[in-house]
Amino acid sequence: MTAELRLGPLPKTAMVKLTIAIPEKLRMDLDRYAELHAARWGEPIDASVLIPHMLEAFIARDRGFRKASPVKRRSGTTPGPAQ
């Protein structure tokens, strides 16, 4: 039986490269999560590919961020140029 994970199948999206340093234990946890994700969805994946999707999911569920954000994400609209 495969584990139920919060992160579902990954969409194909354009990416921008960002370099970060993380503690070794976190890297091991990310590698383990990648293993579980691969087992659940049947496609091998590197942990570095999961990180942006994990961060996106975290931010989307952060109530404080949503309250402080000037852009309403639920509406599906983006602000236009200032007039």
C-alpha atoms as a PDB file:
ATOM      1  CA  MET A   1       0.000   0.000   0.000  1.00  0.00           C
ATOM      2  CA  THR A   2       1.324   3.444  -0.853  1.00  0.00           C
ATOM      3  CA  ALA A   3       1.164   6.399   1.513  1.00  0.00           C
ATOM      4  CA  GLU A   4      -1.392   9.155   1.076  1.00  0.00           C
ATOM      5  CA  LEU A   5       0.525  12.373   0.474  1.00  0.00           C
ATOM      6  CA  ARG A   6      -0.694  15.980   0.396  1.00  0.00           C
ATOM      7  CA  LEU A   7       1.231  16.606  -2.812  1.00  0.00           C
ATOM      8  CA  GLY A   8      -0.531  15.110  -5.816  1.00  0.00           C
ATOM      9  CA  PRO A   9       0.730  14.578  -9.376  1.00  0.00           C
ATOM     10  CA  LEU A  10       2.931  17.440 -10.509  1.00  0.00           C
ATOM     11  CA  PRO A  11       1.818  19.812 -13.259  1.00  0.00           C
ATOM     12  CA  LYS A  12       4.198  20.865 -16.005  1.00  0.00           C
ATOM     13  CA  THR A  13       5.183  24.486 -15.388  1.00  0.00           C
ATOM     14  CA  ALA A  14       7.911  26.922 -16.360  1.00  0.00           C
ATOM     15  CA  MET A  15      10.606  27.237 -13.706  1.00  0.00           C
ATOM     16  CA  VAL A  16      13.161  29.821 -12.571  1.00  0.00           C
ATOM     17  CA  LYS A  17      16.371  28.545 -10.984  1.00  0.00           C
ATOM     18  CA  LEU A  18      16.953  29.387  -7.305  1.00  0.00           C
ATOM     19  CA  THR A  19      19.792  28.024  -5.185  1.00  0.00           C
ATOM     20  CA  ILE A  20      19.236  27.395  -1.465  1.00  0.00           C
ATOM     21  CA  ALA A  21      21.150  25.707   1.337  1.00  0.00           C
ATOM     22  CA  ILE A  22      19.234  23.307   3.582  1.00  0.00           C
ATOM     23  CA  PRO A  23      20.132  21.202   6.630  1.00  0.00           C
ATOM     24  CA  GLU A  24      21.209  17.632   5.905  1.00  0.00           C
ATOM     25  CA  LYS A  25      18.247  16.175   7.815  1.00  0.00           C
ATOM     26  CA  LEU A  26      15.816  18.167   5.684  1.00  0.00           C
ATOM     27  CA  ARG A  27      17.534  16.880   2.537  1.00  0.00           C
ATOM     28  CA  MET A  28      17.113  13.314   3.786  1.00  0.00           C
ATOM     29  CA  ASP A  29      13.429  13.979   4.512  1.00  0.00           C
ATOM     30  CA  LEU A  30      12.950  15.462   1.041  1.00  0.00           C
ATOM     31  CA  ASP A  31      14.622  12.442  -0.552  1.00  0.00           C
ATOM     32  CA  ARG A  32      12.330  10.136   1.434  1.00  0.00           C
ATOM     33  CA  TYR A  33       9.288  12.169   0.391  1.00  0.00           C
ATOM     34  CA  ALA A  34      10.414  11.894  -3.235  1.00  0.00           C
ATOM     35  CA  GLU A  35      10.640   8.107  -2.837  1.00  0.00           C
ATOM     36  CA  LEU A  36       7.111   7.964  -1.401  1.00  0.00           C
ATOM     37  CA  HIS A  37       5.813  10.289  -4.123  1.00  0.00           C
ATOM     38  CA  ALA A  38       7.387   8.090  -6.811  1.00  0.00           C
ATOM     39  CA  ALA A  39       5.834   4.984  -5.270  1.00  0.00           C
ATOM     40  CA  ARG A  40       2.416   6.663  -5.057  1.00  0.00           C
ATOM     41  CA  TRP A  41       2.333   8.158  -8.556  1.00  0.00           C
ATOM     42  CA  GLY A  42       4.489   5.585 -10.383  1.00  0.00           C
ATOM     43  CA  GLU A  43       7.035   8.040 -11.739  1.00  0.00           C
ATOM     44  CA  PRO A  44      10.566   8.516 -10.358  1.00  0.00           C
ATOM     45  CA  ILE A  45      11.224  12.095  -9.283  1.00  0.00           C
ATOM     46  CA  ASP A  46      14.085  14.017  -7.742  1.00  0.00           C
ATOM     47  CA  ALA A  47      13.414  15.864  -4.502  1.00  0.00           C
ATOM     48  CA  SER A  48      14.569  19.145  -6.048  1.00  0.00           C
ATOM     49  CA  VAL A  49      11.620  18.959  -8.459  1.00  0.00           C
ATOM     50  CA  LEU A  50       9.189  18.557  -5.557  1.00  0.00           C
ATOM     51  CA  ILE A  51      10.397  21.576  -3.571  1.00  0.00           C
ATOM     52  CA  PRO A  52       8.703  24.315  -5.662  1.00  0.00           C
ATOM     53  CA  HIS A  53       5.406  22.426  -5.578  1.00  0.00           C
ATOM     54  CA  MET A  54       5.690  21.921  -1.818  1.00  0.00           C
ATOM     55  CA  LEU A  55       6.360  25.622  -1.302  1.00  0.00           C
ATOM     56  CA  GLU A  56       3.462  26.559  -3.560  1.00  0.00           C
ATOM     57  CA  ALA A  57       1.121  24.267  -1.599  1.00  0.00           C
ATOM     58  CA  PHE A  58       2.400  25.681   1.700  1.00  0.00           C
ATOM     59  CA  ILE A  59       1.850  29.286   0.621  1.00  0.00           C
ATOM     60  CA  ALA A  60      -1.602  28.512  -0.795  1.00  0.00           C
ATOM     61  CA  ARG A  61      -2.696  27.142   2.595  1.00  0.00           C
ATOM     62  CA  ASP A  62      -1.106  29.878   4.747  1.00  0.00           C
ATOM     63  CA  ARG A  63      -4.036  31.891   6.132  1.00  0.00           C
ATOM     64  CA  GLY A  64      -1.838  34.732   7.360  1.00  0.00           C
ATOM     65  CA  PHE A  65      -0.296  35.122   3.914  1.00  0.00           C
ATOM     66  CA  ARG A  66      -3.698  35.106   2.231  1.00  0.00           C
ATOM     67  CA  LYS A  67      -5.009  37.753   4.644  1.00  0.00           C
ATOM     68  CA  ALA A  68      -1.952  39.963   4.102  1.00  0.00           C
ATOM     69  CA  SER A  69      -1.816  39.461   0.339  1.00  0.00           C
ATOM     70  CA  PRO A  70      -3.160  42.402  -1.686  1.00  0.00           C
ATOM     71  CA  VAL A  71      -4.025  40.077  -4.582  1.00  0.00           C
ATOM     72  CA  LYS A  72      -7.099  37.878  -4.206  1.00  0.00           C
ATOM     73  CA  ARG A  73      -5.941  34.518  -5.529  1.00  0.00           C
ATOM     74  CA  ARG A  74      -9.368  32.877  -5.477  1.00  0.00           C
ATOM     75  CA  SER A  75     -10.787  35.166  -8.146  1.00  0.00           C
ATOM     76  CA  GLY A  76      -8.384  33.878 -10.782  1.00  0.00           C
ATOM     77  CA  THR A  77      -7.667  37.411 -11.985  1.00  0.00           C
ATOM     78  CA  THR A  78      -4.405  39.267 -11.946  1.00  0.00           C
ATOM     79  CA  PRO A  79      -4.170  42.982 -11.379  1.00  0.00           C
ATOM     80  CA  GLY A  80      -3.766  45.114 -14.466  1.00  0.00           C
ATOM     81  CA  PRO A  81      -1.404  48.057 -14.910  1.00  0.00           C
ATOM     82  CA  ALA A  82      -1.886  51.033 -12.628  1.00  0.00           C
ATOM     83  CA  GLN A  83      -3.954  53.832 -14.124  1.00  0.00           C
END
